[in-house]
């Protein structure tokens, strides 16, 4: 199972995206767990996480988030603004899986 954590400013938009990504993963028969939290909750939810995708609206906080994840060797990336805004779940799943494979 691949555990994906979505992070955004308040957790609302990433929560909606997580629902879409779960539906897309189910359609593709992928064994994926997806959760979404605000940037302020990230440290509490890193156990068993394989990859962190960051909402483009908080791209300026990427270094802070990477610093939190580095000790656990969790890859971090900013979600593509277009894919995020359009809630293109398949594209974001592919992005997360590619990061996990590089790990």
PDB file of N, CA and C in Angstrom:
ATOM      1  N   UNK A   1       0.843  -1.184   0.000  1.00  0.00           N
ATOM      2  CA  UNK A   1       0.000   0.000   0.000  1.00  0.00           C
ATOM      3  C   UNK A   1       0.885   1.244   0.000  1.00  0.00           C
ATOM      4  N   UNK A   2       0.471   2.219  -0.774  1.00  0.00           N
ATOM      5  CA  UNK A   2       1.162   3.507  -0.824  1.00  0.00           C
ATOM      6  C   UNK A   2       0.323   4.518  -0.051  1.00  0.00           C
ATOM      7  N   UNK A   3       0.949   5.182   0.902  1.00  0.00           N
ATOM      8  CA  UNK A   3       0.268   6.175   1.736  1.00  0.00           C
ATOM      9  C   UNK A   3       0.674   7.576   1.299  1.00  0.00           C
ATOM     10  N   UNK A   4      -0.315   8.332   0.817  1.00  0.00           N
ATOM     11  CA  UNK A   4      -0.093   9.678   0.297  1.00  0.00           C
ATOM     12  C   UNK A   4      -0.692  10.693   1.259  1.00  0.00           C
ATOM     13  N   UNK A   5       0.066  11.737   1.551  1.00  0.00           N
ATOM     14  CA  UNK A   5      -0.431  12.836   2.376  1.00  0.00           C
ATOM     15  C   UNK A   5      -0.486  14.094   1.522  1.00  0.00           C
ATOM     16  N   UNK A   6      -1.668  14.688   1.444  1.00  0.00           N
ATOM     17  CA  UNK A   6      -1.857  15.957   0.743  1.00  0.00           C
ATOM     18  C   UNK A   6      -1.848  17.066   1.778  1.00  0.00           C
ATOM     19  N   UNK A   7      -1.147  18.145   1.481  1.00  0.00           N
ATOM     20  CA  UNK A   7      -1.026  19.259   2.425  1.00  0.00           C
ATOM     21  C   UNK A   7      -1.406  20.553   1.727  1.00  0.00           C
ATOM     22  N   UNK A   8      -2.265  21.339   2.374  1.00  0.00           N
ATOM     23  CA  UNK A   8      -2.581  22.674   1.856  1.00  0.00           C
ATOM     24  C   UNK A   8      -2.712  23.627   3.039  1.00  0.00           C
ATOM     25  N   UNK A   9      -3.113  24.837   2.770  1.00  0.00           N
ATOM     26  CA  UNK A   9      -3.157  25.865   3.816  1.00  0.00           C
ATOM     27  C   UNK A   9      -4.147  25.514   4.925  1.00  0.00           C
ATOM     28  N   UNK A  10      -5.378  25.221   4.559  1.00  0.00           N
ATOM     29  CA  UNK A  10      -6.385  24.947   5.573  1.00  0.00           C
ATOM     30  C   UNK A  10      -6.865  23.515   5.614  1.00  0.00           C
ATOM     31  N   UNK A  11      -6.546  22.747   4.594  1.00  0.00           N
ATOM     32  CA  UNK A  11      -6.967  21.355   4.549  1.00  0.00           C
ATOM     33  C   UNK A  11      -8.261  21.115   3.793  1.00  0.00           C
ATOM     34  N   UNK A  12      -8.976  22.190   3.452  1.00  0.00           N
ATOM     35  CA  UNK A  12     -10.275  22.031   2.790  1.00  0.00           C
ATOM     36  C   UNK A  12     -10.137  21.598   1.334  1.00  0.00           C
ATOM     37  N   UNK A  13      -9.383  22.329   0.551  1.00  0.00           N
ATOM     38  CA  UNK A  13      -9.267  21.986  -0.871  1.00  0.00           C
ATOM     39  C   UNK A  13      -8.565  20.645  -1.052  1.00  0.00           C
ATOM     40  N   UNK A  14      -7.582  20.374  -0.230  1.00  0.00           N
ATOM     41  CA  UNK A  14      -6.894  19.090  -0.359  1.00  0.00           C
ATOM     42  C   UNK A  14      -7.786  17.936   0.089  1.00  0.00           C
ATOM     43  N   UNK A  15      -8.710  18.184   1.002  1.00  0.00           N
ATOM     44  CA  UNK A  15      -9.663  17.143   1.410  1.00  0.00           C
ATOM     45  C   UNK A  15     -10.582  16.770   0.257  1.00  0.00           C
ATOM     46  N   UNK A  16     -11.044  17.772  -0.489  1.00  0.00           N
ATOM     47  CA  UNK A  16     -11.881  17.494  -1.658  1.00  0.00           C
ATOM     48  C   UNK A  16     -11.081  16.727  -2.705  1.00  0.00           C
ATOM     49  N   UNK A  17      -9.838  17.113  -2.885  1.00  0.00           N
ATOM     50  CA  UNK A  17      -8.984  16.427  -3.843  1.00  0.00           C
ATOM     51  C   UNK A  17      -8.721  14.989  -3.399  1.00  0.00           C
ATOM     52  N   UNK A  18      -8.546  14.774  -2.114  1.00  0.00           N
ATOM     53  CA  UNK A  18      -8.310  13.421  -1.596  1.00  0.00           C
ATOM     54  C   UNK A  18      -9.475  12.499  -1.937  1.00  0.00           C
ATOM     55  N   UNK A  19     -10.695  13.003  -1.842  1.00  0.00           N
ATOM     56  CA  UNK A  19     -11.875  12.203  -2.193  1.00  0.00           C
ATOM     57  C   UNK A  19     -11.802  11.791  -3.660  1.00  0.00           C
ATOM     58  N   UNK A  20     -11.486  12.743  -4.526  1.00  0.00           N
ATOM     59  CA  UNK A  20     -11.371  12.440  -5.966  1.00  0.00           C
ATOM     60  C   UNK A  20     -10.244  11.438  -6.234  1.00  0.00           C
ATOM     61  N   UNK A  21      -9.147  11.613  -5.530  1.00  0.00           N
ATOM     62  CA  UNK A  21      -8.021  10.702  -5.734  1.00  0.00           C
ATOM     63  C   UNK A  21      -8.353   9.292  -5.256  1.00  0.00           C
ATOM     64  N   UNK A  22      -9.092   9.177  -4.169  1.00  0.00           N
ATOM     65  CA  UNK A  22      -9.507   7.857  -3.680  1.00  0.00           C
ATOM     66  C   UNK A  22     -10.405   7.172  -4.703  1.00  0.00           C
ATOM     67  N   UNK A  23     -11.319   7.934  -5.291  1.00  0.00           N
ATOM     68  CA  UNK A  23     -12.204   7.381  -6.322  1.00  0.00           C
ATOM     69  C   UNK A  23     -11.395   6.918  -7.533  1.00  0.00           C
ATOM     70  N   UNK A  24     -10.444   7.734  -7.958  1.00  0.00           N
ATOM     71  CA  UNK A  24      -9.608   7.387  -9.111  1.00  0.00           C
ATOM     72  C   UNK A  24      -8.750   6.154  -8.819  1.00  0.00           C
ATOM     73  N   UNK A  25      -8.217   6.073  -7.613  1.00  0.00           N
ATOM     74  CA  UNK A  25      -7.400   4.917  -7.234  1.00  0.00           C
ATOM     75  C   UNK A  25      -8.244   3.646  -7.229  1.00  0.00           C
ATOM     76  N   UNK A  26      -9.463   3.762  -6.742  1.00  0.00           N
ATOM     77  CA  UNK A  26     -10.364   2.604  -6.718  1.00  0.00           C
ATOM     78  C   UNK A  26     -10.673   2.142  -8.143  1.00  0.00           C
ATOM     79  N   UNK A  27     -10.945   3.092  -9.037  1.00  0.00           N
ATOM     80  CA  UNK A  27     -11.221   2.756 -10.439  1.00  0.00           C
ATOM     81  C   UNK A  27     -10.026   2.068 -11.089  1.00  0.00           C
ATOM     82  N   UNK A  28      -8.838   2.486 -10.710  1.00  0.00           N
ATOM     83  CA  UNK A  28      -7.608   1.911 -11.277  1.00  0.00           C
ATOM     84  C   UNK A  28      -7.140   0.682 -10.504  1.00  0.00           C
ATOM     85  N   UNK A  29      -7.875   0.313  -9.478  1.00  0.00           N
ATOM     86  CA  UNK A  29      -7.567  -0.833  -8.620  1.00  0.00           C
ATOM     87  C   UNK A  29      -6.171  -0.719  -8.005  1.00  0.00           C
ATOM     88  N   UNK A  30      -5.873   0.476  -7.524  1.00  0.00           N
ATOM     89  CA  UNK A  30      -4.597   0.739  -6.871  1.00  0.00           C
ATOM     90  C   UNK A  30      -4.771   0.655  -5.361  1.00  0.00           C
ATOM     91  N   UNK A  31      -3.786   0.100  -4.699  1.00  0.00           N
ATOM     92  CA  UNK A  31      -3.804  -0.016  -3.245  1.00  0.00           C
ATOM     93  C   UNK A  31      -3.143   1.233  -2.661  1.00  0.00           C
ATOM     94  N   UNK A  32      -3.959   2.275  -2.504  1.00  0.00           N
ATOM     95  CA  UNK A  32      -3.455   3.579  -2.081  1.00  0.00           C
ATOM     96  C   UNK A  32      -4.330   4.136  -0.961  1.00  0.00           C
ATOM     97  N   UNK A  33      -3.675   4.739   0.014  1.00  0.00           N
ATOM     98  CA  UNK A  33      -4.361   5.475   1.076  1.00  0.00           C
ATOM     99  C   UNK A  33      -4.014   6.952   0.891  1.00  0.00           C
ATOM    100  N   UNK A  34      -5.033   7.803   0.930  1.00  0.00           N
ATOM    101  CA  UNK A  34      -4.819   9.236   0.717  1.00  0.00           C
ATOM    102  C   UNK A  34      -5.490  10.012   1.842  1.00  0.00           C
ATOM    103  N   UNK A  35      -4.716  10.855   2.497  1.00  0.00           N
ATOM    104  CA  UNK A  35      -5.251  11.718   3.545  1.00  0.00           C
ATOM    105  C   UNK A  35      -4.817  13.148   3.276  1.00  0.00           C
ATOM    106  N   UNK A  36      -5.582  14.089   3.804  1.00  0.00           N
ATOM    107  CA  UNK A  36      -5.294  15.508   3.591  1.00  0.00           C
ATOM    108  C   UNK A  36      -5.376  16.266   4.910  1.00  0.00           C
ATOM    109  N   UNK A  37      -4.396  17.140   5.111  1.00  0.00           N
ATOM    110  CA  UNK A  37      -4.354  17.948   6.326  1.00  0.00           C
ATOM    111  C   UNK A  37      -3.779  19.318   6.008  1.00  0.00           C
ATOM    112  N   UNK A  38      -3.975  20.228   6.932  1.00  0.00           N
ATOM    113  CA  UNK A  38      -3.380  21.554   6.770  1.00  0.00           C
ATOM    114  C   UNK A  38      -1.889  21.466   7.080  1.00  0.00           C
ATOM    115  N   UNK A  39      -1.165  22.454   6.629  1.00  0.00           N
ATOM    116  CA  UNK A  39       0.281  22.496   6.862  1.00  0.00           C
ATOM    117  C   UNK A  39       0.630  22.459   8.345  1.00  0.00           C
ATOM    118  N   UNK A  40      -0.291  22.913   9.195  1.00  0.00           N
ATOM    119  CA  UNK A  40      -0.032  22.978  10.632  1.00  0.00           C
ATOM    120  C   UNK A  40      -0.164  21.617  11.307  1.00  0.00           C
ATOM    121  N   UNK A  41      -0.753  20.652  10.618  1.00  0.00           N
ATOM    122  CA  UNK A  41      -0.979  19.324  11.192  1.00  0.00           C
ATOM    123  C   UNK A  41      -0.029  18.267  10.650  1.00  0.00           C
ATOM    124  N   UNK A  42       0.830  18.628   9.754  1.00  0.00           N
ATOM    125  CA  UNK A  42       1.637  17.638   9.031  1.00  0.00           C
ATOM    126  C   UNK A  42       2.482  16.757   9.948  1.00  0.00           C
ATOM    127  N   UNK A  43       3.132  17.339  10.936  1.00  0.00           N
ATOM    128  CA  UNK A  43       4.030  16.559  11.793  1.00  0.00           C
ATOM    129  C   UNK A  43       3.312  15.442  12.528  1.00  0.00           C
ATOM    130  N   UNK A  44       2.047  15.635  12.846  1.00  0.00           N
ATOM    131  CA  UNK A  44       1.269  14.629  13.574  1.00  0.00           C
ATOM    132  C   UNK A  44       0.877  13.443  12.701  1.00  0.00           C
ATOM    133  N   UNK A  45       0.987  13.598  11.398  1.00  0.00           N
ATOM    134  CA  UNK A  45       0.435  12.590  10.488  1.00  0.00           C
ATOM    135  C   UNK A  45       1.463  11.972   9.548  1.00  0.00           C
ATOM    136  N   UNK A  46       2.720  11.999   9.900  1.00  0.00           N
ATOM    137  CA  UNK A  46       3.759  11.477   9.009  1.00  0.00           C
ATOM    138  C   UNK A  46       4.058   9.991   9.175  1.00  0.00           C
ATOM    139  N   UNK A  47       3.572   9.375  10.239  1.00  0.00           N
ATOM    140  CA  UNK A  47       3.833   7.949  10.424  1.00  0.00           C
ATOM    141  C   UNK A  47       3.246   7.161   9.262  1.00  0.00           C
ATOM    142  N   UNK A  48       4.042   6.287   8.705  1.00  0.00           N
ATOM    143  CA  UNK A  48       3.642   5.396   7.605  1.00  0.00           C
ATOM    144  C   UNK A  48       3.333   6.115   6.295  1.00  0.00           C
ATOM    145  N   UNK A  49       3.716   7.372   6.166  1.00  0.00           N
ATOM    146  CA  UNK A  49       3.484   8.114   4.921  1.00  0.00           C
ATOM    147  C   UNK A  49       4.641   7.836   3.959  1.00  0.00           C
ATOM    148  N   UNK A  50       4.297   7.603   2.691  1.00  0.00           N
ATOM    149  CA  UNK A  50       5.303   7.321   1.667  1.00  0.00           C
ATOM    150  C   UNK A  50       5.667   8.547   0.839  1.00  0.00           C
ATOM    151  N   UNK A  51       4.741   9.484   0.710  1.00  0.00           N
ATOM    152  CA  UNK A  51       4.978  10.671  -0.108  1.00  0.00           C
ATOM    153  C   UNK A  51       4.058  11.801   0.351  1.00  0.00           C
ATOM    154  N   UNK A  52       4.558  13.028   0.271  1.00  0.00           N
ATOM    155  CA  UNK A  52       3.774  14.216   0.615  1.00  0.00           C
ATOM    156  C   UNK A  52       3.661  15.091  -0.628  1.00  0.00           C
ATOM    157  N   UNK A  53       2.418  15.438  -0.980  1.00  0.00           N
ATOM    158  CA  UNK A  53       2.165  16.377  -2.075  1.00  0.00           C
ATOM    159  C   UNK A  53       1.628  17.666  -1.476  1.00  0.00           C
ATOM    160  N   UNK A  54       2.234  18.769  -1.865  1.00  0.00           N
ATOM    161  CA  UNK A  54       1.926  20.081  -1.293  1.00  0.00           C
ATOM    162  C   UNK A  54       1.100  20.904  -2.281  1.00  0.00           C
ATOM    163  N   UNK A  55       0.041  21.528  -1.778  1.00  0.00           N
ATOM    164  CA  UNK A  55      -0.792  22.393  -2.609  1.00  0.00           C
ATOM    165  C   UNK A  55       0.002  23.579  -3.128  1.00  0.00           C
ATOM    166  N   UNK A  56      -0.248  23.970  -4.380  1.00  0.00           N
ATOM    167  CA  UNK A  56       0.528  25.063  -4.981  1.00  0.00           C
ATOM    168  C   UNK A  56       0.376  26.402  -4.262  1.00  0.00           C
ATOM    169  N   UNK A  57      -0.713  26.594  -3.527  1.00  0.00           N
ATOM    170  CA  UNK A  57      -0.921  27.858  -2.829  1.00  0.00           C
ATOM    171  C   UNK A  57       0.026  28.037  -1.642  1.00  0.00           C
ATOM    172  N   UNK A  58       0.684  26.956  -1.219  1.00  0.00           N
ATOM    173  CA  UNK A  58       1.674  27.082  -0.135  1.00  0.00           C
ATOM    174  C   UNK A  58       3.062  26.639  -0.608  1.00  0.00           C
ATOM    175  N   UNK A  59       3.319  26.792  -1.888  1.00  0.00           N
ATOM    176  CA  UNK A  59       4.629  26.405  -2.449  1.00  0.00           C
ATOM    177  C   UNK A  59       5.769  27.132  -1.747  1.00  0.00           C
ATOM    178  N   UNK A  60       5.499  28.319  -1.221  1.00  0.00           N
ATOM    179  CA  UNK A  60       6.540  29.078  -0.519  1.00  0.00           C
ATOM    180  C   UNK A  60       6.959  28.412   0.789  1.00  0.00           C
ATOM    181  N   UNK A  61       6.217  27.406   1.248  1.00  0.00           N
ATOM    182  CA  UNK A  61       6.547  26.697   2.490  1.00  0.00           C
ATOM    183  C   UNK A  61       7.211  25.348   2.223  1.00  0.00           C
ATOM    184  N   UNK A  62       7.571  25.093   0.979  1.00  0.00           N
ATOM    185  CA  UNK A  62       8.102  23.775   0.614  1.00  0.00           C
ATOM    186  C   UNK A  62       9.341  23.406   1.423  1.00  0.00           C
ATOM    187  N   UNK A  63      10.237  24.336   1.662  1.00  0.00           N
ATOM    188  CA  UNK A  63      11.464  24.033   2.427  1.00  0.00           C
ATOM    189  C   UNK A  63      11.134  23.616   3.855  1.00  0.00           C
ATOM    190  N   UNK A  64      10.180  24.313   4.474  1.00  0.00           N
ATOM    191  CA  UNK A  64       9.768  23.955   5.835  1.00  0.00           C
ATOM    192  C   UNK A  64       9.199  22.541   5.867  1.00  0.00           C
ATOM    193  N   UNK A  65       8.373  22.227   4.890  1.00  0.00           N
ATOM    194  CA  UNK A  65       7.750  20.904   4.840  1.00  0.00           C
ATOM    195  C   UNK A  65       8.802  19.834   4.560  1.00  0.00           C
ATOM    196  N   UNK A  66       9.720  20.117   3.655  1.00  0.00           N
ATOM    197  CA  UNK A  66      10.807  19.168   3.379  1.00  0.00           C
ATOM    198  C   UNK A  66      11.643  18.920   4.631  1.00  0.00           C
ATOM    199  N   UNK A  67      11.898  19.953   5.406  1.00  0.00           N
ATOM    200  CA  UNK A  67      12.679  19.798   6.632  1.00  0.00           C
ATOM    201  C   UNK A  67      11.980  18.902   7.642  1.00  0.00           C
ATOM    202  N   UNK A  68      10.668  18.955   7.681  1.00  0.00           N
ATOM    203  CA  UNK A  68       9.896  18.101   8.586  1.00  0.00           C
ATOM    204  C   UNK A  68       9.956  16.644   8.114  1.00  0.00           C
ATOM    205  N   UNK A  69       9.990  16.439   6.813  1.00  0.00           N
ATOM    206  CA  UNK A  69       9.922  15.090   6.232  1.00  0.00           C
ATOM    207  C   UNK A  69      11.281  14.429   6.027  1.00  0.00           C
ATOM    208  N   UNK A  70      12.352  15.202   6.050  1.00  0.00           N
ATOM    209  CA  UNK A  70      13.670  14.673   5.685  1.00  0.00           C
ATOM    210  C   UNK A  70      14.147  13.550   6.606  1.00  0.00           C
ATOM    211  N   UNK A  71      13.902  13.658   7.889  1.00  0.00           N
ATOM    212  CA  UNK A  71      14.359  12.628   8.827  1.00  0.00           C
ATOM    213  C   UNK A  71      13.677  11.291   8.592  1.00  0.00           C
ATOM    214  N   UNK A  72      12.471  11.327   8.060  1.00  0.00           N
ATOM    215  CA  UNK A  72      11.733  10.091   7.775  1.00  0.00           C
ATOM    216  C   UNK A  72      11.916   9.654   6.323  1.00  0.00           C
ATOM    217  N   UNK A  73      12.763  10.388   5.599  1.00  0.00           N
ATOM    218  CA  UNK A  73      13.059  10.080   4.194  1.00  0.00           C
ATOM    219  C   UNK A  73      11.793  10.007   3.338  1.00  0.00           C
ATOM    220  N   UNK A  74      10.905  10.962   3.563  1.00  0.00           N
ATOM    221  CA  UNK A  74       9.651  11.040   2.810  1.00  0.00           C
ATOM    222  C   UNK A  74       9.824  12.068   1.695  1.00  0.00           C
ATOM    223  N   UNK A  75       9.637  11.642   0.440  1.00  0.00           N
ATOM    224  CA  UNK A  75       9.731  12.614  -0.653  1.00  0.00           C
ATOM    225  C   UNK A  75       8.581  13.618  -0.612  1.00  0.00           C
ATOM    226  N   UNK A  76       8.890  14.844  -1.003  1.00  0.00           N
ATOM    227  CA  UNK A  76       7.922  15.942  -0.987  1.00  0.00           C
ATOM    228  C   UNK A  76       7.954  16.624  -2.348  1.00  0.00           C
ATOM    229  N   UNK A  77       6.772  16.966  -2.862  1.00  0.00           N
ATOM    230  CA  UNK A  77       6.704  17.697  -4.130  1.00  0.00           C
ATOM    231  C   UNK A  77       5.496  18.624  -4.119  1.00  0.00           C
ATOM    232  N   UNK A  78       5.600  19.670  -4.917  1.00  0.00           N
ATOM    233  CA  UNK A  78       4.476  20.597  -5.091  1.00  0.00           C
ATOM    234  C   UNK A  78       3.586  20.053  -6.199  1.00  0.00           C
ATOM    235  N   UNK A  79       2.293  20.029  -5.938  1.00  0.00           N
ATOM    236  CA  UNK A  79       1.346  19.592  -6.958  1.00  0.00           C
ATOM    237  C   UNK A  79       1.295  20.619  -8.081  1.00  0.00           C
ATOM    238  N   UNK A  80       1.196  20.144  -9.295  1.00  0.00           N
ATOM    239  CA  UNK A  80       1.041  21.021 -10.445  1.00  0.00           C
ATOM    240  C   UNK A  80      -0.213  21.875 -10.256  1.00  0.00           C
ATOM    241  N   UNK A  81      -0.076  23.186 -10.470  1.00  0.00           N
ATOM    242  CA  UNK A  81      -1.182  24.111 -10.229  1.00  0.00           C
ATOM    243  C   UNK A  81      -2.410  23.767 -11.078  1.00  0.00           C
ATOM    244  N   UNK A  82      -2.192  23.405 -12.322  1.00  0.00           N
ATOM    245  CA  UNK A  82      -3.306  23.073 -13.209  1.00  0.00           C
ATOM    246  C   UNK A  82      -3.997  21.789 -12.751  1.00  0.00           C
ATOM    247  N   UNK A  83      -3.214  20.759 -12.439  1.00  0.00           N
ATOM    248  CA  UNK A  83      -3.790  19.494 -11.979  1.00  0.00           C
ATOM    249  C   UNK A  83      -4.532  19.679 -10.661  1.00  0.00           C
ATOM    250  N   UNK A  84      -3.969  20.493  -9.784  1.00  0.00           N
ATOM    251  CA  UNK A  84      -4.603  20.765  -8.491  1.00  0.00           C
ATOM    252  C   UNK A  84      -5.913  21.528  -8.686  1.00  0.00           C
ATOM    253  N   UNK A  85      -5.860  22.592  -9.455  1.00  0.00           N
ATOM    254  CA  UNK A  85      -7.044  23.427  -9.671  1.00  0.00           C
ATOM    255  C   UNK A  85      -8.166  22.696 -10.377  1.00  0.00           C
ATOM    256  N   UNK A  86      -7.811  21.835 -11.305  1.00  0.00           N
ATOM    257  CA  UNK A  86      -8.800  21.054 -12.057  1.00  0.00           C
ATOM    258  C   UNK A  86      -9.148  19.741 -11.373  1.00  0.00           C
ATOM    259  N   UNK A  87      -8.493  19.485 -10.242  1.00  0.00           N
ATOM    260  CA  UNK A  87      -8.686  18.244  -9.487  1.00  0.00           C
ATOM    261  C   UNK A  87      -8.494  17.022 -10.383  1.00  0.00           C
ATOM    262  N   UNK A  88      -7.404  17.049 -11.121  1.00  0.00           N
ATOM    263  CA  UNK A  88      -7.060  15.940 -12.010  1.00  0.00           C
ATOM    264  C   UNK A  88      -6.391  14.843 -11.183  1.00  0.00           C
ATOM    265  N   UNK A  89      -7.234  14.066 -10.539  1.00  0.00           N
ATOM    266  CA  UNK A  89      -6.796  13.056  -9.578  1.00  0.00           C
ATOM    267  C   UNK A  89      -5.805  12.065 -10.170  1.00  0.00           C
ATOM    268  N   UNK A  90      -6.062  11.581 -11.376  1.00  0.00           N
ATOM    269  CA  UNK A  90      -5.166  10.597 -11.989  1.00  0.00           C
ATOM    270  C   UNK A  90      -3.752  11.138 -12.151  1.00  0.00           C
ATOM    271  N   UNK A  91      -3.642  12.374 -12.583  1.00  0.00           N
ATOM    272  CA  UNK A  91      -2.322  12.985 -12.778  1.00  0.00           C
ATOM    273  C   UNK A  91      -1.569  13.091 -11.452  1.00  0.00           C
ATOM    274  N   UNK A  92      -2.290  13.448 -10.389  1.00  0.00           N
ATOM    275  CA  UNK A  92      -1.643  13.608  -9.087  1.00  0.00           C
ATOM    276  C   UNK A  92      -1.283  12.260  -8.471  1.00  0.00           C
ATOM    277  N   UNK A  93      -2.093  11.243  -8.723  1.00  0.00           N
ATOM    278  CA  UNK A  93      -1.730   9.891  -8.289  1.00  0.00           C
ATOM    279  C   UNK A  93      -0.447   9.469  -8.994  1.00  0.00           C
ATOM    280  N   UNK A  94      -0.386   9.707 -10.292  1.00  0.00           N
ATOM    281  CA  UNK A  94       0.817   9.354 -11.053  1.00  0.00           C
ATOM    282  C   UNK A  94       2.044  10.092 -10.525  1.00  0.00           C
ATOM    283  N   UNK A  95       1.879  11.361 -10.174  1.00  0.00           N
ATOM    284  CA  UNK A  95       2.987  12.137  -9.618  1.00  0.00           C
ATOM    285  C   UNK A  95       3.473  11.508  -8.314  1.00  0.00           C
ATOM    286  N   UNK A  96       2.536  11.160  -7.442  1.00  0.00           N
ATOM    287  CA  UNK A  96       2.895  10.563  -6.155  1.00  0.00           C
ATOM    288  C   UNK A  96       3.591   9.216  -6.347  1.00  0.00           C
ATOM    289  N   UNK A  97       3.055   8.380  -7.226  1.00  0.00           N
ATOM    290  CA  UNK A  97       3.649   7.062  -7.452  1.00  0.00           C
ATOM    291  C   UNK A  97       5.052   7.171  -8.039  1.00  0.00           C
ATOM    292  N   UNK A  98       5.260   8.136  -8.913  1.00  0.00           N
ATOM    293  CA  UNK A  98       6.595   8.349  -9.488  1.00  0.00           C
ATOM    294  C   UNK A  98       7.603   8.731  -8.403  1.00  0.00           C
ATOM    295  N   UNK A  99       7.181   9.553  -7.455  1.00  0.00           N
ATOM    296  CA  UNK A  99       8.071   9.951  -6.359  1.00  0.00           C
ATOM    297  C   UNK A  99       8.409   8.767  -5.463  1.00  0.00           C
ATOM    298  N   UNK A 100       7.437   7.917  -5.216  1.00  0.00           N
ATOM    299  CA  UNK A 100       7.665   6.740  -4.374  1.00  0.00           C
ATOM    300  C   UNK A 100       8.633   5.780  -5.066  1.00  0.00           C
ATOM    301  N   UNK A 101       8.494   5.625  -6.370  1.00  0.00           N
ATOM    302  CA  UNK A 101       9.380   4.721  -7.113  1.00  0.00           C
ATOM    303  C   UNK A 101      10.823   5.212  -7.117  1.00  0.00           C
ATOM    304  N   UNK A 102      11.022   6.526  -7.091  1.00  0.00           N
ATOM    305  CA  UNK A 102      12.378   7.093  -7.058  1.00  0.00           C
ATOM    306  C   UNK A 102      13.051   6.883  -5.712  1.00  0.00           C
ATOM    307  N   UNK A 103      12.253   6.716  -4.685  1.00  0.00           N
ATOM    308  CA  UNK A 103      12.723   6.643  -3.302  1.00  0.00           C
ATOM    309  C   UNK A 103      13.690   5.501  -3.081  1.00  0.00           C
TER     310      UNK A 103
END
